[in-house]
Amino acid sequence: MPIAKPVRRKRPGHYHHGDLRRALIDTALRVIEEDGLAAVTTRALARRLGVSHAAPAHHFRDREALFVEVATEGFQAFVNALESAAATAASDPNARLCAIGLAYVRFAIEHPAHVRVMFGGGLREGVRWPPALKRESERAYRVLVDTATAARASTGAPSGSVQDLAFGGWSLVHGMAMLWIDGPARQTYATPAQFEAAAARLIASMFCCSERPAAKD
């Protein structure tokens, strides 16, 4: 009687080729939320995913390459959020400026790990960004500048103040976003909804919006 061949079972945590790239990104994001940027290493991710220490190198040569991918993905989602907020806001340019400001804060609440990599030191200074990452980050800033330009034009203010408005608005919303991500804002606002409502009031006050952007319930 022929001897039956033993059935080979896949080890728990084993990923098919093609799945590991996404799994590395998703796991890195979870680690960042739980333990911060410093806790992310390709070796630690491989251990979590149950693959060999060398396996991540087939997709990302090192941690920096992984963070570049996370940041590129984050900026793509970020600029889509800003553009969507601007498109659905009222016709008043100041209201659109308020809307993208609140969208910035909302994105940070919903995607804190992405924001840490994009703006919080995940990418080394002085390193030349790949074209895709540079393009997406510039698109995000262009949405802000274009919206600020329209808002300034509607008031008849000199165009030279556009950069001041864009920089001031960016400083406000980025500061609020990071205060939420890093924790201090949570000592004052118990829930994301409370914090978002406070952010909406501050943004409206700064940009003199004719109508306050709607915060989520």
Foldseek 3Di string as FASTA:
>chain_A
DDDDDDDDDDDPLDDDVVVVLVQLLVVQQVCCLVPRLVVDWLQVSCVVSVHDSCVCCVPAVTQQRSLLVLLLVLLVVLLVLLVVQLVPFDPQLLRSLLSSLLSLLVSLVVRVSNCCSNPVCVHDPPDDRDPSNVVSVVSSLVSLLVSLQSNCVVVVHDSVCSVVVSVVSCCLSVVLSVCVSVPVVCVVPVDPQRSSVVSQVVSCVVSVDPDTDDGDD
